[in-house]
């Protein structure tokens, strides 16, 4: 087999900028994405990359406030889009091609509807019209506008890019061992559930790769414990089209995931650890995005009954204690305080050794 084509270093840098810009545009369209604890670092990095490329915009200060902790109440609508101009293609074709290919790598995986088709069409048409700017091994992969939908036109390029620039899962799960691994699995499951709430983010290649790892680990647990549960159906969906319709998302993703997590056949300590990790991440997301006082009382009421374990990261132990001390939102607790405490607990669980 021939070696896969490679992107020159300068083109690869432009490729990353194009990816960041499209992801940040998706964040602005669906600000709940940045309420997901394990997405917030990427949200901030993408914002900075987009800002560096396009320059400052009037809404940047409000974006920065919102991205501090993902609180959607601080989000301000407004978007000034930027594309590579014809002059930009003429002056720096290598950057223009790399940036546009990076944009396509994210946009071509989006849920399919009229708006996403129109958005992707701009990028693939640019690539088709500037095929001479493509690096060796990448020319002629995008077909003309008369042959298929934008998603179909992008597929040959997507296949080559997948070999040239392997997808790195984001976030990148690290399970470890013992009850800490069970708690981390819970936090990752919650993250996947929150991605399902935000299908633009779920559709990203790195999110699909994350889902593949998390579902495989959960399936291994089901098989080890002989609990009669299975996420094989979800595993089969990961690389397919992500639905935009809420009813389809419920039927294909949300309901199967919610019903196939765990049952009483799990050992009590493992079950409690998984629940603690899952609910802590959900408390942070709820405080940043949904702000449902009933959810807050339910989730944190359960957390209050869950005990720590000897190997729990010390910082997380302190974070959970602080989270328990904050009054429920229905009793005057601050969403900001709840978000901050649950965020620290989630990060200390998933980032600590």
Protein backbone atom coordinates (compact mmCIF):
# COMPACT_ATOMS: atom_id res chain seq x y z
CA UNK A 1 0.00 0.00 0.00
CA UNK A 2 1.16 3.52 -0.74
CA UNK A 3 2.14 5.70 2.20
CA UNK A 4 -0.56 8.19 3.24
CA UNK A 5 -0.17 11.75 2.07
CA UNK A 6 1.23 14.17 4.63
CA UNK A 7 0.59 17.83 5.33
CA UNK A 8 3.61 20.16 5.28
CA UNK A 9 4.19 21.72 8.74
CA UNK A 10 2.89 25.18 7.79
CA UNK A 11 -0.20 23.65 6.21
CA UNK A 12 -0.77 21.48 9.29
CA UNK A 13 -0.70 24.60 11.48
CA UNK A 14 -3.27 26.27 9.24
CA UNK A 15 -5.34 23.08 9.38
CA UNK A 16 -5.51 23.34 13.18
CA UNK A 17 -6.59 26.97 12.93
CA UNK A 18 -9.44 26.04 10.59
CA UNK A 19 -10.60 23.32 12.96
CA UNK A 20 -10.50 25.69 15.93
CA UNK A 21 -12.48 28.36 14.09
CA UNK A 22 -15.29 25.99 13.12
CA UNK A 23 -15.46 24.45 16.59
CA UNK A 24 -15.70 27.93 18.12
CA UNK A 25 -18.46 28.86 15.68
CA UNK A 26 -20.30 25.73 16.83
CA UNK A 27 -19.76 26.79 20.46
CA UNK A 28 -21.38 30.13 19.71
CA UNK A 29 -24.31 28.41 17.99
CA UNK A 30 -24.66 25.96 20.89
CA UNK A 31 -23.17 27.62 24.00
CA UNK A 32 -24.12 24.65 26.17
CA UNK A 33 -21.07 22.90 24.71
CA UNK A 34 -18.81 25.03 26.87
CA UNK A 35 -20.87 24.23 29.96
CA UNK A 36 -19.48 20.68 29.73
CA UNK A 37 -16.62 20.64 32.21
CA UNK A 38 -14.26 18.54 30.09
CA UNK A 39 -14.91 20.69 27.00
CA UNK A 40 -14.15 24.06 28.58
CA UNK A 41 -10.39 23.99 28.08
CA UNK A 42 -10.91 23.28 24.37
CA UNK A 43 -13.55 26.03 24.14
CA UNK A 44 -11.13 28.59 25.54
CA UNK A 45 -8.25 27.42 23.34
CA UNK A 46 -10.43 27.55 20.23
CA UNK A 47 -11.65 31.04 21.12
CA UNK A 48 -8.06 32.26 21.45
CA UNK A 49 -7.07 30.61 18.16
CA UNK A 50 -10.05 32.13 16.33
CA UNK A 51 -9.36 35.53 17.86
CA UNK A 52 -5.71 35.39 16.82
CA UNK A 53 -6.65 34.55 13.24
CA UNK A 54 -9.57 36.90 12.65
CA UNK A 55 -8.55 39.69 15.03
CA UNK A 56 -10.61 41.16 17.87
CA UNK A 57 -14.38 41.53 17.62
CA UNK A 58 -16.83 43.61 19.71
CA UNK A 59 -18.27 40.52 21.43
CA UNK A 60 -14.90 39.08 22.50
CA UNK A 61 -15.03 40.49 26.04
CA UNK A 62 -18.45 38.92 26.63
CA UNK A 63 -17.25 35.66 25.09
CA UNK A 64 -14.30 35.65 27.51
CA UNK A 65 -16.62 36.15 30.51
CA UNK A 66 -18.90 33.32 29.35
CA UNK A 67 -15.97 30.96 28.76
CA UNK A 68 -14.54 31.50 32.24
CA UNK A 69 -16.83 28.79 33.62
CA UNK A 70 -19.18 27.98 30.71
CA UNK A 71 -22.11 29.83 32.32
CA UNK A 72 -24.60 30.30 29.47
CA UNK A 73 -26.28 33.14 31.37
CA UNK A 74 -23.19 35.21 30.50
CA UNK A 75 -23.33 34.38 26.79
CA UNK A 76 -24.12 37.25 24.43
CA UNK A 77 -25.46 36.46 20.97
CA UNK A 78 -23.68 37.85 17.98
CA UNK A 79 -21.26 36.50 15.41
CA UNK A 80 -19.13 38.17 12.78
CA UNK A 81 -18.04 35.38 10.49
CA UNK A 82 -14.77 35.39 8.57
CA UNK A 83 -13.72 33.43 5.49
CA UNK A 84 -10.58 33.24 3.39
CA UNK A 85 -10.97 35.90 0.71
CA UNK A 86 -9.88 35.47 -2.89
CA UNK A 87 -7.05 37.83 -2.07
CA UNK A 88 -6.09 35.56 0.82
CA UNK A 89 -6.05 32.53 -1.49
CA UNK A 90 -3.82 34.43 -3.91
CA UNK A 91 -1.37 35.73 -1.28
CA UNK A 92 -0.96 32.57 0.81
CA UNK A 93 -2.52 29.58 -0.95
CA UNK A 94 -0.83 27.01 1.34
CA UNK A 95 -2.36 28.58 4.46
CA UNK A 96 -5.73 29.06 2.76
CA UNK A 97 -5.90 25.44 1.67
CA UNK A 98 -4.82 24.10 5.07
CA UNK A 99 -7.24 26.34 6.97
CA UNK A 100 -10.15 25.39 4.69
CA UNK A 101 -9.34 21.67 4.87
CA UNK A 102 -9.30 21.96 8.67
CA UNK A 103 -12.69 23.63 8.60
CA UNK A 104 -14.05 20.86 6.39
CA UNK A 105 -12.69 18.17 8.71
CA UNK A 106 -15.09 19.38 11.42
CA UNK A 107 -17.96 20.71 9.34
CA UNK A 108 -18.30 17.57 7.20
CA UNK A 109 -19.19 15.52 10.30
CA UNK A 110 -22.02 17.81 11.45
CA UNK A 111 -25.67 16.73 11.62
CA UNK A 112 -27.14 17.17 8.17
CA UNK A 113 -29.73 19.88 7.57
CA UNK A 114 -30.16 22.87 5.28
CA UNK A 115 -28.07 25.20 7.44
CA UNK A 116 -25.11 22.82 7.87
CA UNK A 117 -25.22 21.92 4.18
CA UNK A 118 -25.00 25.58 3.19
CA UNK A 119 -22.17 26.16 5.66
CA UNK A 120 -20.13 23.20 4.42
CA UNK A 121 -20.85 24.05 0.77
CA UNK A 122 -18.85 27.26 1.04
CA UNK A 123 -15.74 25.44 2.20
CA UNK A 124 -15.85 22.53 -0.22
CA UNK A 125 -16.51 24.88 -3.13
CA UNK A 126 -13.45 26.90 -2.13
CA UNK A 127 -11.33 23.75 -2.11
CA UNK A 128 -12.70 22.65 -5.49
CA UNK A 129 -12.01 26.07 -6.97
CA UNK A 130 -8.45 26.18 -5.61
CA UNK A 131 -7.32 22.63 -6.19
CA UNK A 132 -3.94 23.89 -7.40
CA UNK A 133 -3.19 25.07 -3.84
CA UNK A 134 -3.48 21.55 -2.42
CA UNK A 135 -0.34 19.79 -1.15
CA UNK A 136 0.88 16.73 -2.99
CA UNK A 137 -1.55 13.85 -2.51
CA UNK A 138 -4.56 16.07 -1.75
CA UNK A 139 -5.40 17.66 -5.12
CA UNK A 140 -8.61 16.81 -6.93
CA UNK A 141 -10.29 15.11 -3.97
CA UNK A 142 -13.22 17.53 -3.74
CA UNK A 143 -15.66 17.10 -6.59
CA UNK A 144 -17.44 19.87 -8.43
CA UNK A 145 -20.62 21.45 -7.10
CA UNK A 146 -22.73 19.56 -9.61
CA UNK A 147 -21.95 16.13 -8.20
CA UNK A 148 -23.68 15.41 -4.91
CA UNK A 149 -24.33 17.14 -1.61
CA UNK A 150 -21.56 19.05 0.16
CA UNK A 151 -21.22 16.13 2.57
CA UNK A 152 -20.77 13.66 -0.29
CA UNK A 153 -18.32 15.95 -2.05
CA UNK A 154 -16.18 16.18 1.09
CA UNK A 155 -15.91 12.43 1.73
CA UNK A 156 -12.90 11.60 -0.50
CA UNK A 157 -10.91 14.37 1.16
CA UNK A 158 -12.10 13.27 4.61
CA UNK A 159 -10.80 9.76 4.04
CA UNK A 160 -7.34 10.99 3.06
CA UNK A 161 -7.21 13.53 5.89
CA UNK A 162 -8.10 10.80 8.41
CA UNK A 163 -4.91 9.00 7.40
CA UNK A 164 -2.76 12.11 7.20
CA UNK A 165 -3.97 13.68 10.47
CA UNK A 166 -5.13 10.93 12.86
CA UNK A 167 -7.93 12.00 15.16
CA UNK A 168 -6.99 12.40 18.83
CA UNK A 169 -9.92 11.76 21.20
CA UNK A 170 -11.12 14.78 23.10
CA UNK A 171 -11.37 14.69 25.99
CA UNK A 172 -8.83 11.87 26.28
CA UNK A 173 -10.05 9.36 28.89
CA UNK A 174 -7.60 8.01 31.47
CA UNK A 175 -9.26 5.45 33.73
CA UNK A 176 -6.62 4.19 36.13
CA UNK A 177 -7.62 1.43 38.53
CA UNK A 178 -9.95 0.64 41.40
CA UNK A 179 -12.88 2.79 42.46
CA UNK A 180 -11.23 5.90 41.04
CA UNK A 181 -11.51 4.29 37.59
CA UNK A 182 -15.21 3.65 38.20
CA UNK A 183 -15.74 7.27 39.24
CA UNK A 184 -13.86 8.49 36.17
CA UNK A 185 -16.02 6.28 33.98
CA UNK A 186 -19.03 7.97 35.56
CA UNK A 187 -17.67 11.43 34.75
CA UNK A 188 -16.96 10.37 31.18
CA UNK A 189 -20.45 8.91 30.78
CA UNK A 190 -21.92 12.19 32.03
CA UNK A 191 -19.73 14.04 29.53
CA UNK A 192 -21.05 11.82 26.74
CA UNK A 193 -24.63 12.48 27.86
CA UNK A 194 -23.92 16.21 27.78
CA UNK A 195 -22.43 15.90 24.29
CA UNK A 196 -25.69 14.24 23.24
CA UNK A 197 -27.43 17.40 24.48
CA UNK A 198 -25.22 19.31 22.01
CA UNK A 199 -25.19 17.36 18.72
CA UNK A 200 -22.83 19.78 16.99
CA UNK A 201 -20.18 18.84 19.55
CA UNK A 202 -21.09 15.14 19.53
CA UNK A 203 -20.55 15.08 15.75
CA UNK A 204 -16.91 16.20 15.96
CA UNK A 205 -14.37 13.52 15.04
CA UNK A 206 -12.59 13.86 18.37
CA UNK A 207 -15.89 13.52 20.26
CA UNK A 208 -16.73 10.37 18.32
CA UNK A 209 -13.30 8.98 19.23
CA UNK A 210 -13.96 9.86 22.89
CA UNK A 211 -17.34 8.13 22.73
CA UNK A 212 -15.75 5.03 21.23
CA UNK A 213 -13.34 4.69 24.16
CA UNK A 214 -15.94 5.37 26.85
CA UNK A 215 -18.52 2.99 25.38
CA UNK A 216 -15.90 0.27 24.93
CA UNK A 217 -14.86 0.59 28.58
CA UNK A 218 -18.48 0.53 29.73
CA UNK A 219 -19.15 -2.54 27.57
CA UNK A 220 -16.15 -4.28 29.14
CA UNK A 221 -17.64 -3.60 32.57
CA UNK A 222 -20.97 -5.07 31.49
CA UNK A 223 -19.26 -8.20 30.24
CA UNK A 224 -17.07 -8.53 33.33
CA UNK A 225 -20.02 -8.17 35.70
CA UNK A 226 -22.49 -10.21 33.58
CA UNK A 227 -25.11 -7.57 34.33
CA UNK A 228 -27.22 -8.17 31.22
CA UNK A 229 -26.62 -4.64 29.90
CA UNK A 230 -25.04 -3.65 26.60
CA UNK A 231 -24.09 -0.49 24.75
CA UNK A 232 -23.29 -2.37 21.53
CA UNK A 233 -26.09 -0.53 19.73
CA UNK A 234 -24.58 2.83 20.64
CA UNK A 235 -21.11 1.65 19.64
CA UNK A 236 -22.51 0.92 16.18
CA UNK A 237 -23.84 4.49 15.89
CA UNK A 238 -20.66 6.37 16.75
CA UNK A 239 -19.31 6.70 13.21
CA UNK A 240 -22.69 7.25 11.56
CA UNK A 241 -24.68 10.42 10.97
CA UNK A 242 -25.48 12.29 14.17
CA UNK A 243 -29.18 13.24 14.18
CA UNK A 244 -30.28 16.82 14.70
CA UNK A 245 -33.91 16.05 15.49
CA UNK A 246 -34.44 15.87 19.30
CA UNK A 247 -36.79 12.90 19.02
CA UNK A 248 -34.19 10.93 17.07
CA UNK A 249 -31.47 11.88 19.54
CA UNK A 250 -33.69 10.65 22.36
CA UNK A 251 -34.50 7.35 20.66
CA UNK A 252 -31.03 6.58 19.29
CA UNK A 253 -28.72 8.05 21.93
CA UNK A 254 -30.15 9.53 25.10
CA UNK A 255 -32.57 6.78 26.13
CA UNK A 256 -30.27 3.82 25.35
CA UNK A 257 -27.37 5.47 27.14
CA UNK A 258 -29.45 6.31 30.22
CA UNK A 259 -30.89 2.81 30.49
CA UNK A 260 -27.69 0.85 29.84
CA UNK A 261 -25.28 2.33 32.38
CA UNK A 262 -25.53 0.12 35.46
CA UNK A 263 -27.86 -1.95 37.61
CA UNK A 264 -27.94 -3.73 40.97
CA UNK A 265 -25.57 -6.43 39.71
CA UNK A 266 -22.72 -3.96 40.04
CA UNK A 267 -20.89 -4.24 43.39
CA UNK A 268 -22.16 -1.50 45.70
CA UNK A 269 -18.81 0.29 46.03
CA UNK A 270 -18.30 0.36 42.25
CA UNK A 271 -21.86 1.53 41.68
CA UNK A 272 -21.52 4.35 44.21
CA UNK A 273 -18.18 5.49 42.79
CA UNK A 274 -19.56 5.61 39.26
CA UNK A 275 -22.61 7.55 40.43
CA UNK A 276 -20.46 10.04 42.31
CA UNK A 277 -18.34 10.77 39.24
CA UNK A 278 -21.35 10.98 36.96
CA UNK A 279 -23.49 13.17 39.21
CA UNK A 280 -20.64 15.55 40.05
CA UNK A 281 -20.10 16.29 36.36
CA UNK A 282 -23.85 16.63 35.83
CA UNK A 283 -24.17 19.07 38.73
CA UNK A 284 -21.59 21.35 37.08
CA UNK A 285 -23.32 21.15 33.69
CA UNK A 286 -26.70 21.84 35.26
CA UNK A 287 -25.35 24.84 37.14
CA UNK A 288 -23.73 26.27 33.99
CA UNK A 289 -26.40 25.47 31.41
CA UNK A 290 -29.76 24.09 32.54
CA UNK A 291 -30.08 25.79 35.94
CA UNK A 292 -32.79 23.37 36.98
CA UNK A 293 -33.24 23.61 40.75
CA UNK A 294 -34.98 20.23 40.86
CA UNK A 295 -32.04 18.53 39.16
CA UNK A 296 -29.64 20.26 41.54
CA UNK A 297 -31.51 19.03 44.62
CA UNK A 298 -31.84 15.51 43.23
CA UNK A 299 -28.24 15.13 42.08
CA UNK A 300 -26.65 16.69 45.15
CA UNK A 301 -29.06 14.88 47.45
CA UNK A 302 -27.68 11.61 46.11
CA UNK A 303 -24.08 12.88 46.29
CA UNK A 304 -24.63 13.70 49.97
CA UNK A 305 -25.34 10.01 50.63
CA UNK A 306 -22.31 8.70 48.73
CA UNK A 307 -19.12 8.06 50.66
CA UNK A 308 -15.55 8.56 49.54
CA UNK A 309 -13.05 5.73 49.12
CA UNK A 310 -9.48 5.48 50.42
CA UNK A 311 -7.82 6.14 47.06
CA UNK A 312 -10.05 9.09 46.11
CA UNK A 313 -7.85 12.03 45.02
CA UNK A 314 -7.43 14.23 48.10
CA UNK A 315 -8.32 17.35 46.19
CA UNK A 316 -11.55 15.79 44.96
CA UNK A 317 -12.44 14.73 48.51
CA UNK A 318 -12.16 18.38 49.59
CA UNK A 319 -14.09 19.55 46.54
CA UNK A 320 -17.00 17.16 47.20
CA UNK A 321 -17.09 18.27 50.84
CA UNK A 322 -17.29 21.89 49.69
CA UNK A 323 -19.99 21.03 47.15
CA UNK A 324 -22.10 19.33 49.83
CA UNK A 325 -21.85 22.44 52.04
CA UNK A 326 -23.40 24.76 49.44
CA UNK A 327 -27.19 25.13 49.88
CA UNK A 328 -29.36 23.71 47.10
CA UNK A 329 -30.24 26.28 44.43
CA UNK A 330 -33.86 26.05 45.61
CA UNK A 331 -32.68 27.19 49.06
CA UNK A 332 -30.58 30.13 47.95
CA UNK A 333 -27.42 28.40 46.80
CA UNK A 334 -25.51 30.31 44.11
CA UNK A 335 -25.31 28.67 40.68
CA UNK A 336 -21.83 30.16 40.36
CA UNK A 337 -20.67 28.55 43.61
CA UNK A 338 -22.24 25.22 42.69
CA UNK A 339 -20.67 25.32 39.23
CA UNK A 340 -17.22 26.16 40.59
CA UNK A 341 -17.24 23.44 43.26
CA UNK A 342 -18.58 20.72 40.95
CA UNK A 343 -16.15 21.77 38.21
CA UNK A 344 -13.17 21.51 40.56
CA UNK A 345 -14.33 18.09 41.75
CA UNK A 346 -14.77 16.82 38.17
CA UNK A 347 -11.38 18.09 37.05
CA UNK A 348 -9.60 16.82 40.16
CA UNK A 349 -11.13 13.40 39.56
CA UNK A 350 -10.27 13.18 35.86
CA UNK A 351 -6.95 15.04 35.84
CA UNK A 352 -5.33 13.82 39.07
CA UNK A 353 -2.90 10.86 38.82
